[in-house]
Structure formats: C-alpha cells, structure tokens
Amino acid sequence: LQNLLVPRGLKAAGYSANGALSGYGTIQGMVLPIIFFPSCIMSAVAELIVPELTEAQVRGDRAQIRATTRRLFTMSVKFSLLVALFLFICSDTLGLAIYKSREAGRYIRLLAPLVPVMYTDMTIDGCLKGLGQQVWSMGINIIDALTGLVLVWWLLPKYALAAYIAIIYFTEILNFVLSFSRLRRGNSAL
C-alpha cells in the first residue's frame, strides 16, 4: 500500500506522473539495492547465528547469549560503518558507474549515514529470532510499516522526495530502537 501511495503523494506535491515515478524509482530501484547489497554478509551471519542462540537459550546459558549478541552487535556496527563510509565517499562514482545517474549518486550519499542503523537492525532481528522472539520482531515490523504508511500519506503531498527520505530515516530508526530495546530488556543481552 505504501508503494502505491508514494507516486500518488509525489503527484500531489506537484510532480508530473513521470517525474513522480522517476524520483521514486531512482530511490527504490537504483539506490536501495546498492545500499542493501553489502548487507547480504551481515544478513547471512544473523541467520547463521539463530541456531547457536536458540541452543544457548535452551541451555539457559545467559553468558553465552550475552557474549554472542555483543560479538555480533560489534561486528555489525564496525562492518556497517565501513560500508557507510565507502558509500558516502564513492556515491557519485557508484551512481555514474552503475546507472549513469548523478541523481542516484546524490541519493546514495543521502542514505549512506543510515546504513549502520539498517545493518545493525538486521543483526538484532536475527538475534531476536534466535531467542524465540519472532512474534515480537514481526510486531515491530508491522509498527514500522504502519508508521511509514501514515507518514507517506500525510507528509509526501507536502514535502515530496525530501519527506520520503525523512520517512525512510524515521522508520528505520524506529525499528532499530524498538528491536534493540527488546533485545536488551528481554534477555539482558547487551
């Protein structure tokens, strides 16, 4: 539903039909795949850790849970900071080399600072799943989606693509904060 509302909101903000789809398409179809491509490494690590965390939880080994989640969290933050720095510095080159688009490079640079939040949230979600918190994780993702939907409907017609970027930041940070607090509170893991 949110994907349907974005072009509609951009048209209401004064974009032509082609302009609305072009700006939205640049972000969704060009920029986000580049931003998320390196995350496949952390995503794989997060999925691989699920059985280890589940086993430690079954044994009641809180020390192992804490050590594993801290190690993953630290690894995720370090990796994502390096990726964010690379994307920020090389954004123009990436936009031109991959898509021949300066606009894509500009949006890569705008979203690069959010990479540590996005990647670390993926790792935290993997930890939550490993600790039997799948329903909680799903609830957080539903809150994230509903918040994004409301913000797109409300802000996009007024502030166009600037609002869309701000909405991405807000919902990603919201998801991270809720997931991180659940991991800390539920298991005293970090």
N, C-alpha and C. Protein backbone atom coordinates (compact mmCIF):
# COMPACT_ATOMS: atom_id res chain seq x y z
N LEU A 1 0.83 -1.19 0.00
CA LEU A 1 0.00 0.00 0.00
C LEU A 1 0.87 1.26 0.00
N GLN A 2 1.96 1.21 0.79
CA GLN A 2 2.85 2.36 0.82
C GLN A 2 3.46 2.62 -0.55
N ASN A 3 3.85 1.55 -1.25
CA ASN A 3 4.42 1.71 -2.58
C ASN A 3 3.43 2.33 -3.56
N LEU A 4 2.15 2.10 -3.35
CA LEU A 4 1.13 2.73 -4.20
C LEU A 4 0.91 4.19 -3.83
N LEU A 5 1.05 4.50 -2.54
CA LEU A 5 0.80 5.87 -2.08
C LEU A 5 1.94 6.84 -2.43
N VAL A 6 3.15 6.33 -2.57
CA VAL A 6 4.29 7.24 -2.83
C VAL A 6 4.12 7.99 -4.15
N PRO A 7 3.91 7.30 -5.30
CA PRO A 7 3.74 8.08 -6.54
C PRO A 7 2.54 9.04 -6.47
N ARG A 8 1.46 8.59 -5.82
CA ARG A 8 0.28 9.45 -5.66
C ARG A 8 0.62 10.70 -4.84
N GLY A 9 1.39 10.51 -3.76
CA GLY A 9 1.79 11.63 -2.92
C GLY A 9 2.72 12.59 -3.64
N LEU A 10 3.61 12.03 -4.46
CA LEU A 10 4.53 12.89 -5.22
C LEU A 10 3.78 13.69 -6.29
N LYS A 11 2.79 13.07 -6.90
CA LYS A 11 1.97 13.82 -7.87
C LYS A 11 1.23 14.94 -7.17
N ALA A 12 0.71 14.68 -5.96
CA ALA A 12 0.02 15.72 -5.20
C ALA A 12 0.96 16.84 -4.79
N ALA A 13 2.26 16.53 -4.68
CA ALA A 13 3.26 17.54 -4.33
C ALA A 13 3.66 18.39 -5.53
N GLY A 14 3.14 18.05 -6.72
CA GLY A 14 3.42 18.87 -7.89
C GLY A 14 4.26 18.18 -8.95
N TYR A 15 4.69 16.97 -8.71
CA TYR A 15 5.45 16.22 -9.72
C TYR A 15 4.50 15.76 -10.82
N SER A 16 5.01 15.69 -12.03
CA SER A 16 4.24 15.06 -13.10
C SER A 16 4.20 13.56 -12.82
N ALA A 17 3.36 12.83 -13.53
CA ALA A 17 3.29 11.37 -13.33
C ALA A 17 4.65 10.74 -13.59
N ASN A 18 5.32 11.17 -14.68
CA ASN A 18 6.64 10.62 -14.99
C ASN A 18 7.68 11.05 -13.97
N GLY A 19 7.61 12.29 -13.52
CA GLY A 19 8.56 12.79 -12.52
C GLY A 19 8.41 12.08 -11.19
N ALA A 20 7.17 11.82 -10.79
CA ALA A 20 6.92 11.12 -9.53
C ALA A 20 7.49 9.71 -9.58
N LEU A 21 7.21 9.02 -10.67
CA LEU A 21 7.72 7.65 -10.80
C LEU A 21 9.23 7.62 -10.97
N SER A 22 9.78 8.63 -11.62
CA SER A 22 11.22 8.69 -11.83
C SER A 22 11.97 8.85 -10.51
N GLY A 23 11.57 9.83 -9.71
CA GLY A 23 12.24 10.05 -8.42
C GLY A 23 12.11 8.87 -7.49
N TYR A 24 10.91 8.33 -7.40
CA TYR A 24 10.65 7.18 -6.54
C TYR A 24 11.40 5.96 -7.07
N GLY A 25 11.39 5.78 -8.38
CA GLY A 25 12.10 4.66 -8.99
C GLY A 25 13.60 4.73 -8.78
N THR A 26 14.14 5.93 -8.80
CA THR A 26 15.58 6.09 -8.56
C THR A 26 15.94 5.59 -7.16
N ILE A 27 15.14 5.99 -6.17
CA ILE A 27 15.42 5.58 -4.80
C ILE A 27 15.18 4.09 -4.61
N GLN A 28 14.00 3.63 -5.00
CA GLN A 28 13.62 2.22 -4.76
C GLN A 28 14.37 1.24 -5.66
N GLY A 29 14.51 1.59 -6.92
CA GLY A 29 15.06 0.64 -7.88
C GLY A 29 16.55 0.73 -8.11
N MET A 30 17.14 1.86 -7.76
CA MET A 30 18.57 2.04 -8.02
C MET A 30 19.37 2.18 -6.71
N VAL A 31 18.94 3.07 -5.86
CA VAL A 31 19.73 3.40 -4.67
C VAL A 31 19.64 2.33 -3.59
N LEU A 32 18.43 1.92 -3.22
CA LEU A 32 18.31 0.94 -2.15
C LEU A 32 18.96 -0.40 -2.47
N PRO A 33 18.91 -0.89 -3.72
CA PRO A 33 19.66 -2.12 -3.99
C PRO A 33 21.17 -1.98 -3.75
N ILE A 34 21.74 -0.82 -4.08
CA ILE A 34 23.16 -0.59 -3.82
C ILE A 34 23.42 -0.52 -2.31
N ILE A 35 22.55 0.18 -1.61
CA ILE A 35 22.69 0.33 -0.15
C ILE A 35 22.61 -1.04 0.53
N PHE A 36 21.66 -1.87 0.08
CA PHE A 36 21.43 -3.15 0.76
C PHE A 36 22.34 -4.28 0.26
N PHE A 37 23.00 -4.12 -0.86
CA PHE A 37 23.81 -5.21 -1.40
C PHE A 37 24.85 -5.74 -0.40
N PRO A 38 25.66 -4.88 0.22
CA PRO A 38 26.64 -5.40 1.17
C PRO A 38 26.01 -6.03 2.41
N SER A 39 24.76 -5.72 2.68
CA SER A 39 24.11 -6.25 3.88
C SER A 39 23.91 -7.76 3.80
N CYS A 40 24.05 -8.34 2.61
CA CYS A 40 23.88 -9.79 2.50
C CYS A 40 24.87 -10.53 3.38
N ILE A 41 26.02 -9.93 3.63
CA ILE A 41 27.02 -10.56 4.51
C ILE A 41 26.50 -10.59 5.94
N MET A 42 26.05 -9.47 6.46
CA MET A 42 25.55 -9.43 7.84
C MET A 42 24.24 -10.20 7.97
N SER A 43 23.45 -10.17 6.95
CA SER A 43 22.20 -10.93 6.97
C SER A 43 22.47 -12.42 7.08
N ALA A 44 23.46 -12.89 6.34
CA ALA A 44 23.83 -14.31 6.40
C ALA A 44 24.36 -14.67 7.79
N VAL A 45 25.18 -13.81 8.36
CA VAL A 45 25.70 -14.06 9.70
C VAL A 45 24.56 -14.10 10.71
N ALA A 46 23.63 -13.16 10.58
CA ALA A 46 22.49 -13.12 11.51
C ALA A 46 21.64 -14.38 11.41
N GLU A 47 21.47 -14.90 10.21
CA GLU A 47 20.69 -16.13 10.04
C GLU A 47 21.45 -17.35 10.57
N LEU A 48 22.75 -17.35 10.39
CA LEU A 48 23.55 -18.48 10.86
C LEU A 48 23.64 -18.55 12.38
N ILE A 49 23.45 -17.42 13.04
CA ILE A 49 23.58 -17.38 14.49
C ILE A 49 22.31 -17.86 15.20
N VAL A 50 21.19 -17.93 14.48
CA VAL A 50 19.91 -18.32 15.09
C VAL A 50 20.02 -19.64 15.86
N PRO A 51 20.55 -20.73 15.24
CA PRO A 51 20.63 -21.98 15.99
C PRO A 51 21.52 -21.90 17.23
N GLU A 52 22.62 -21.17 17.14
CA GLU A 52 23.53 -21.02 18.28
C GLU A 52 22.84 -20.32 19.45
N LEU A 53 22.12 -19.25 19.15
CA LEU A 53 21.41 -18.54 20.21
C LEU A 53 20.27 -19.38 20.79
N THR A 54 19.58 -20.10 19.92
CA THR A 54 18.49 -20.95 20.38
C THR A 54 19.03 -22.03 21.33
N GLU A 55 20.14 -22.62 20.95
CA GLU A 55 20.75 -23.66 21.78
C GLU A 55 21.18 -23.09 23.14
N ALA A 56 21.80 -21.91 23.13
CA ALA A 56 22.22 -21.28 24.38
C ALA A 56 21.01 -20.93 25.25
N GLN A 57 19.93 -20.51 24.62
CA GLN A 57 18.72 -20.19 25.38
C GLN A 57 18.12 -21.45 26.00
N VAL A 58 18.09 -22.55 25.25
CA VAL A 58 17.55 -23.81 25.77
C VAL A 58 18.39 -24.28 26.97
N ARG A 59 19.70 -24.10 26.89
CA ARG A 59 20.59 -24.49 28.00
C ARG A 59 20.50 -23.52 29.16
N GLY A 60 19.91 -22.34 28.92
CA GLY A 60 19.86 -21.32 29.96
C GLY A 60 21.20 -20.62 30.16
N ASP A 61 22.01 -20.62 29.13
CA ASP A 61 23.37 -20.05 29.19
C ASP A 61 23.33 -18.57 28.83
N ARG A 62 22.97 -17.74 29.79
CA ARG A 62 22.85 -16.31 29.55
C ARG A 62 24.20 -15.67 29.20
N ALA A 63 25.27 -16.19 29.77
CA ALA A 63 26.60 -15.65 29.46
C ALA A 63 26.93 -15.86 27.98
N GLN A 64 26.60 -17.03 27.46
CA GLN A 64 26.84 -17.31 26.03
C GLN A 64 25.96 -16.41 25.15
N ILE A 65 24.72 -16.22 25.57
CA ILE A 65 23.82 -15.34 24.82
C ILE A 65 24.39 -13.92 24.78
N ARG A 66 24.81 -13.42 25.95
CA ARG A 66 25.38 -12.07 26.02
C ARG A 66 26.64 -11.95 25.16
N ALA A 67 27.52 -12.93 25.28
CA ALA A 67 28.78 -12.88 24.52
C ALA A 67 28.51 -12.92 23.01
N THR A 68 27.61 -13.79 22.59
CA THR A 68 27.31 -13.92 21.17
C THR A 68 26.66 -12.66 20.62
N THR A 69 25.66 -12.14 21.32
CA THR A 69 24.97 -10.95 20.82
C THR A 69 25.89 -9.73 20.83
N ARG A 70 26.73 -9.62 21.84
CA ARG A 70 27.69 -8.49 21.85
C ARG A 70 28.66 -8.59 20.69
N ARG A 71 29.17 -9.80 20.45
CA ARG A 71 30.12 -10.01 19.34
C ARG A 71 29.46 -9.66 18.01
N LEU A 72 28.24 -10.12 17.82
CA LEU A 72 27.52 -9.81 16.58
C LEU A 72 27.23 -8.33 16.44
N PHE A 73 26.80 -7.71 17.53
CA PHE A 73 26.49 -6.29 17.52
C PHE A 73 27.73 -5.49 17.14
N THR A 74 28.85 -5.80 17.78
CA THR A 74 30.10 -5.09 17.50
C THR A 74 30.53 -5.29 16.05
N MET A 75 30.47 -6.53 15.60
CA MET A 75 30.85 -6.84 14.22
C MET A 75 29.95 -6.08 13.23
N SER A 76 28.67 -6.06 13.52
CA SER A 76 27.72 -5.39 12.64
C SER A 76 27.98 -3.88 12.58
N VAL A 77 28.21 -3.28 13.73
CA VAL A 77 28.47 -1.83 13.76
C VAL A 77 29.74 -1.49 12.99
N LYS A 78 30.80 -2.25 13.22
CA LYS A 78 32.06 -1.98 12.52
C LYS A 78 31.91 -2.15 11.00
N PHE A 79 31.32 -3.27 10.61
CA PHE A 79 31.13 -3.53 9.18
C PHE A 79 30.26 -2.45 8.53
N SER A 80 29.16 -2.11 9.18
CA SER A 80 28.24 -1.14 8.58
C SER A 80 28.83 0.26 8.54
N LEU A 81 29.66 0.62 9.50
CA LEU A 81 30.33 1.93 9.45
C LEU A 81 31.28 2.01 8.26
N LEU A 82 32.00 0.92 8.00
CA LEU A 82 32.89 0.89 6.83
C LEU A 82 32.10 0.99 5.53
N VAL A 83 31.00 0.25 5.45
CA VAL A 83 30.16 0.31 4.24
C VAL A 83 29.59 1.71 4.08
N ALA A 84 29.09 2.30 5.16
CA ALA A 84 28.52 3.65 5.09
C ALA A 84 29.55 4.67 4.61
N LEU A 85 30.76 4.56 5.14
CA LEU A 85 31.82 5.48 4.73
C LEU A 85 32.14 5.30 3.24
N PHE A 86 32.26 4.05 2.82
CA PHE A 86 32.53 3.77 1.40
C PHE A 86 31.41 4.33 0.52
N LEU A 87 30.15 4.06 0.88
CA LEU A 87 29.03 4.54 0.07
C LEU A 87 28.99 6.07 0.03
N PHE A 88 29.27 6.69 1.17
CA PHE A 88 29.24 8.15 1.22
C PHE A 88 30.33 8.75 0.34
N ILE A 89 31.54 8.23 0.46
CA ILE A 89 32.67 8.77 -0.31
C ILE A 89 32.53 8.47 -1.80
N CYS A 90 32.07 7.26 -2.12
CA CYS A 90 32.03 6.82 -3.53
C CYS A 90 30.64 6.95 -4.17
N SER A 91 29.75 7.68 -3.55
CA SER A 91 28.37 7.74 -4.03
C SER A 91 28.26 8.23 -5.48
N ASP A 92 28.95 9.30 -5.80
CA ASP A 92 28.87 9.82 -7.17
C ASP A 92 29.42 8.81 -8.17
N THR A 93 30.56 8.22 -7.83
CA THR A 93 31.17 7.23 -8.71
C THR A 93 30.25 6.03 -8.91
N LEU A 94 29.64 5.56 -7.83
CA LEU A 94 28.72 4.41 -7.93
C LEU A 94 27.51 4.75 -8.79
N GLY A 95 26.92 5.91 -8.55
CA GLY A 95 25.75 6.32 -9.33
C GLY A 95 26.05 6.41 -10.81
N LEU A 96 27.21 6.98 -11.14
CA LEU A 96 27.58 7.12 -12.55
C LEU A 96 28.02 5.79 -13.16
N ALA A 97 28.80 5.01 -12.42
CA ALA A 97 29.33 3.75 -12.96
C ALA A 97 28.24 2.71 -13.17
N ILE A 98 27.31 2.62 -12.24
CA ILE A 98 26.29 1.57 -12.32
C ILE A 98 25.09 2.02 -13.13
N TYR A 99 24.64 3.25 -12.93
CA TYR A 99 23.39 3.71 -13.57
C TYR A 99 23.56 4.90 -14.49
N LYS A 100 24.77 5.46 -14.56
CA LYS A 100 24.99 6.69 -15.33
C LYS A 100 24.03 7.79 -14.85
N SER A 101 23.93 7.90 -13.52
CA SER A 101 22.97 8.83 -12.93
C SER A 101 23.59 9.57 -11.75
N ARG A 102 23.69 10.88 -11.90
CA ARG A 102 24.14 11.71 -10.78
C ARG A 102 23.10 11.74 -9.67
N GLU A 103 21.83 11.68 -10.05
CA GLU A 103 20.75 11.68 -9.06
C GLU A 103 20.85 10.46 -8.14
N ALA A 104 21.14 9.30 -8.71
CA ALA A 104 21.31 8.09 -7.90
C ALA A 104 22.47 8.29 -6.92
N GLY A 105 23.56 8.86 -7.39
CA GLY A 105 24.70 9.13 -6.51
C GLY A 105 24.34 10.06 -5.37
N ARG A 106 23.53 11.07 -5.67
CA ARG A 106 23.11 12.02 -4.62
C ARG A 106 22.28 11.31 -3.56
N TYR A 107 21.36 10.43 -3.96
CA TYR A 107 20.54 9.71 -3.00
C TYR A 107 21.34 8.65 -2.24
N ILE A 108 22.34 8.07 -2.88
CA ILE A 108 23.21 7.13 -2.16
C ILE A 108 23.90 7.88 -1.01
N ARG A 109 24.40 9.07 -1.31
CA ARG A 109 25.07 9.87 -0.27
C ARG A 109 24.09 10.25 0.84
N LEU A 110 22.86 10.59 0.48
CA LEU A 110 21.87 10.96 1.50
C LEU A 110 21.51 9.78 2.42
N LEU A 111 21.48 8.58 1.87
CA LEU A 111 21.08 7.42 2.67
C LEU A 111 22.25 6.68 3.31
N ALA A 112 23.47 6.95 2.89
CA ALA A 112 24.64 6.25 3.44
C ALA A 112 24.75 6.36 4.97
N PRO A 113 24.48 7.51 5.59
CA PRO A 113 24.58 7.57 7.05
C PRO A 113 23.59 6.64 7.78
N LEU A 114 22.57 6.19 7.10
CA LEU A 114 21.58 5.31 7.72
C LEU A 114 22.01 3.84 7.69
N VAL A 115 23.05 3.52 6.94
CA VAL A 115 23.49 2.13 6.78
C VAL A 115 23.79 1.45 8.12
N PRO A 116 24.51 2.07 9.07
CA PRO A 116 24.75 1.38 10.33
C PRO A 116 23.46 1.00 11.07
N VAL A 117 22.47 1.85 11.00
CA VAL A 117 21.19 1.53 11.65
C VAL A 117 20.52 0.36 10.94
N MET A 118 20.48 0.39 9.62
CA MET A 118 19.82 -0.67 8.84
C MET A 118 20.49 -2.02 9.06
N TYR A 119 21.81 -2.07 8.92
CA TYR A 119 22.53 -3.33 9.00
C TYR A 119 22.49 -3.89 10.42
N THR A 120 22.67 -3.02 11.41
CA THR A 120 22.66 -3.49 12.79
C THR A 120 21.27 -3.97 13.18
N ASP A 121 20.25 -3.33 12.66
CA ASP A 121 18.89 -3.79 12.92
C ASP A 121 18.67 -5.20 12.35
N MET A 122 19.24 -5.49 11.19
CA MET A 122 19.13 -6.83 10.62
C MET A 122 19.76 -7.86 11.56
N THR A 123 20.90 -7.52 12.12
CA THR A 123 21.59 -8.41 13.04
C THR A 123 20.76 -8.61 14.31
N ILE A 124 20.22 -7.53 14.83
CA ILE A 124 19.39 -7.62 16.03
C ILE A 124 18.16 -8.48 15.76
N ASP A 125 17.55 -8.32 14.59
CA ASP A 125 16.40 -9.17 14.24
C ASP A 125 16.78 -10.64 14.23
N GLY A 126 17.97 -10.96 13.71
CA GLY A 126 18.45 -12.34 13.73
C GLY A 126 18.62 -12.85 15.15
N CYS A 127 19.15 -12.00 16.03
CA CYS A 127 19.31 -12.38 17.43
C CYS A 127 17.94 -12.62 18.09
N LEU A 128 16.99 -11.73 17.81
CA LEU A 128 15.65 -11.91 18.39
C LEU A 128 15.02 -13.22 17.92
N LYS A 129 15.19 -13.53 16.65
CA LYS A 129 14.65 -14.80 16.14
C LYS A 129 15.32 -15.98 16.82
N GLY A 130 16.61 -15.91 17.03
CA GLY A 130 17.33 -16.98 17.69
C GLY A 130 16.93 -17.16 19.14
N LEU A 131 16.38 -16.11 19.72
CA LEU A 131 15.95 -16.16 21.12
C LEU A 131 14.44 -16.37 21.25
N GLY A 132 13.81 -16.81 20.14
CA GLY A 132 12.38 -17.12 20.18
C GLY A 132 11.48 -15.89 20.19
N GLN A 133 11.96 -14.78 19.69
CA GLN A 133 11.19 -13.53 19.70
C GLN A 133 10.67 -13.15 18.31
N GLN A 134 10.33 -14.18 17.49
CA GLN A 134 9.87 -13.92 16.13
C GLN A 134 8.59 -13.09 16.10
N VAL A 135 7.67 -13.38 17.00
CA VAL A 135 6.40 -12.65 17.02
C VAL A 135 6.65 -11.20 17.39
N TRP A 136 7.52 -10.98 18.36
CA TRP A 136 7.87 -9.61 18.75
C TRP A 136 8.50 -8.87 17.57
N SER A 137 9.43 -9.54 16.88
CA SER A 137 10.09 -8.95 15.72
C SER A 137 9.08 -8.61 14.63
N MET A 138 8.14 -9.52 14.40
CA MET A 138 7.09 -9.26 13.40
C MET A 138 6.24 -8.06 13.82
N GLY A 139 5.93 -7.96 15.10
CA GLY A 139 5.15 -6.82 15.60
C GLY A 139 5.85 -5.50 15.36
N ILE A 140 7.16 -5.49 15.59
CA ILE A 140 7.95 -4.28 15.35
C ILE A 140 7.92 -3.91 13.87
N ASN A 141 8.03 -4.91 13.01
CA ASN A 141 7.99 -4.64 11.56
C ASN A 141 6.62 -4.14 11.12
N ILE A 142 5.56 -4.61 11.76
CA ILE A 142 4.22 -4.12 11.45
C ILE A 142 4.08 -2.66 11.90
N ILE A 143 4.58 -2.34 13.08
CA ILE A 143 4.55 -0.94 13.56
C ILE A 143 5.33 -0.05 12.59
N ASP A 144 6.49 -0.52 12.16
CA ASP A 144 7.33 0.19 11.20
C ASP A 144 6.54 0.45 9.91
N ALA A 145 5.90 -0.58 9.38
CA ALA A 145 5.16 -0.46 8.11
C ALA A 145 3.97 0.49 8.25
N LEU A 146 3.23 0.37 9.34
CA LEU A 146 2.07 1.25 9.54
C LEU A 146 2.50 2.70 9.74
N THR A 147 3.57 2.90 10.48
CA THR A 147 4.09 4.27 10.67
C THR A 147 4.51 4.86 9.33
N GLY A 148 5.23 4.08 8.53
CA GLY A 148 5.64 4.54 7.21
C GLY A 148 4.46 4.88 6.33
N LEU A 149 3.43 4.04 6.39
CA LEU A 149 2.22 4.27 5.59
C LEU A 149 1.55 5.59 5.97
N VAL A 150 1.39 5.82 7.25
CA VAL A 150 0.75 7.06 7.72
C VAL A 150 1.59 8.28 7.33
N LEU A 151 2.90 8.19 7.52
CA LEU A 151 3.77 9.32 7.19
C LEU A 151 3.80 9.61 5.70
N VAL A 152 3.80 8.55 4.88
CA VAL A 152 3.76 8.75 3.42
C VAL A 152 2.46 9.44 3.03
N TRP A 153 1.36 8.98 3.56
CA TRP A 153 0.06 9.56 3.24
C TRP A 153 -0.02 11.02 3.69
N TRP A 154 0.57 11.34 4.84
CA TRP A 154 0.45 12.66 5.44
C TRP A 154 1.50 13.65 4.93
N LEU A 155 2.77 13.22 4.81
CA LEU A 155 3.85 14.16 4.52
C LEU A 155 4.23 14.29 3.05
N LEU A 156 4.10 13.20 2.29
CA LEU A 156 4.58 13.23 0.91
C LEU A 156 3.91 14.30 0.04
N PRO A 157 2.59 14.47 0.14
CA PRO A 157 1.98 15.52 -0.70
C PRO A 157 2.50 16.92 -0.40
N LYS A 158 3.02 17.13 0.81
CA LYS A 158 3.50 18.46 1.18
C LYS A 158 5.00 18.65 0.87
N TYR A 159 5.79 17.61 1.13
CA TYR A 159 7.23 17.79 1.10
C TYR A 159 7.97 16.90 0.09
N ALA A 160 7.25 16.14 -0.69
CA ALA A 160 7.78 15.35 -1.81
C ALA A 160 8.91 14.39 -1.41
N LEU A 161 9.96 14.33 -2.24
CA LEU A 161 11.03 13.35 -2.02
C LEU A 161 11.84 13.61 -0.75
N ALA A 162 11.91 14.85 -0.32
CA ALA A 162 12.59 15.14 0.95
C ALA A 162 11.86 14.44 2.09
N ALA A 163 10.54 14.43 2.03
CA ALA A 163 9.75 13.72 3.04
C ALA A 163 9.98 12.22 2.95
N TYR A 164 10.09 11.70 1.73
CA TYR A 164 10.29 10.26 1.57
C TYR A 164 11.62 9.82 2.20
N ILE A 165 12.67 10.60 1.98
CA ILE A 165 13.97 10.30 2.60
C ILE A 165 13.84 10.38 4.13
N ALA A 166 13.18 11.42 4.63
CA ALA A 166 12.99 11.57 6.08
C ALA A 166 12.17 10.41 6.65
N ILE A 167 11.18 9.95 5.92
CA ILE A 167 10.36 8.83 6.37
C ILE A 167 11.19 7.55 6.44
N ILE A 168 12.05 7.33 5.46
CA ILE A 168 12.94 6.17 5.50
C ILE A 168 13.81 6.24 6.75
N TYR A 169 14.39 7.40 7.02
CA TYR A 169 15.22 7.56 8.22
C TYR A 169 14.40 7.27 9.48
N PHE A 170 13.24 7.90 9.58
CA PHE A 170 12.44 7.77 10.80
C PHE A 170 12.02 6.33 11.05
N THR A 171 11.51 5.65 10.03
CA THR A 171 11.02 4.29 10.24
C THR A 171 12.16 3.31 10.51
N GLU A 172 13.30 3.49 9.86
CA GLU A 172 14.45 2.61 10.13
C GLU A 172 14.95 2.81 11.56
N ILE A 173 15.04 4.05 12.00
CA ILE A 173 15.50 4.33 13.37
C ILE A 173 14.48 3.81 14.38
N LEU A 174 13.20 4.00 14.11
CA LEU A 174 12.14 3.48 14.99
C LEU A 174 12.26 1.96 15.12
N ASN A 175 12.40 1.28 14.01
CA ASN A 175 12.53 -0.18 14.02
C ASN A 175 13.76 -0.60 14.83
N PHE A 176 14.88 0.07 14.61
CA PHE A 176 16.11 -0.24 15.33
C PHE A 176 15.92 -0.05 16.84
N VAL A 177 15.38 1.09 17.25
CA VAL A 177 15.21 1.40 18.67
C VAL A 177 14.30 0.36 19.34
N LEU A 178 13.20 0.03 18.70
CA LEU A 178 12.28 -0.96 19.28
C LEU A 178 12.93 -2.34 19.37
N SER A 179 13.62 -2.75 18.32
CA SER A 179 14.28 -4.06 18.31
C SER A 179 15.41 -4.11 19.33
N PHE A 180 16.22 -3.08 19.38
CA PHE A 180 17.35 -3.04 20.31
C PHE A 180 16.85 -3.05 21.75
N SER A 181 15.83 -2.26 22.04
CA SER A 181 15.31 -2.23 23.41
C SER A 181 14.70 -3.57 23.80
N ARG A 182 14.07 -4.26 22.85
CA ARG A 182 13.52 -5.58 23.14
C ARG A 182 14.64 -6.58 23.43
N LEU A 183 15.70 -6.52 22.67
CA LEU A 183 16.83 -7.43 22.89
C LEU A 183 17.46 -7.17 24.26
N ARG A 184 17.65 -5.91 24.60
CA ARG A 184 18.24 -5.56 25.90
C ARG A 184 17.34 -5.94 27.05
N ARG A 185 16.09 -5.58 26.94
CA ARG A 185 15.14 -5.80 28.03
C ARG A 185 14.80 -7.27 28.20
N GLY A 186 14.54 -7.94 27.07
CA GLY A 186 14.06 -9.31 27.14
C GLY A 186 15.11 -10.32 27.57
N ASN A 187 16.37 -10.04 27.29
CA ASN A 187 17.38 -11.04 27.57
C ASN A 187 18.61 -10.46 28.25
N SER A 188 18.60 -9.19 28.56
CA SER A 188 19.78 -8.55 29.14
C SER A 188 21.02 -8.93 28.34
N ALA A 189 20.84 -8.96 27.01
CA ALA A 189 21.90 -9.49 26.15
C ALA A 189 23.01 -8.49 25.88
N LEU A 190 22.70 -7.22 25.85
CA LEU A 190 23.74 -6.24 25.52
C LEU A 190 23.98 -5.30 26.69
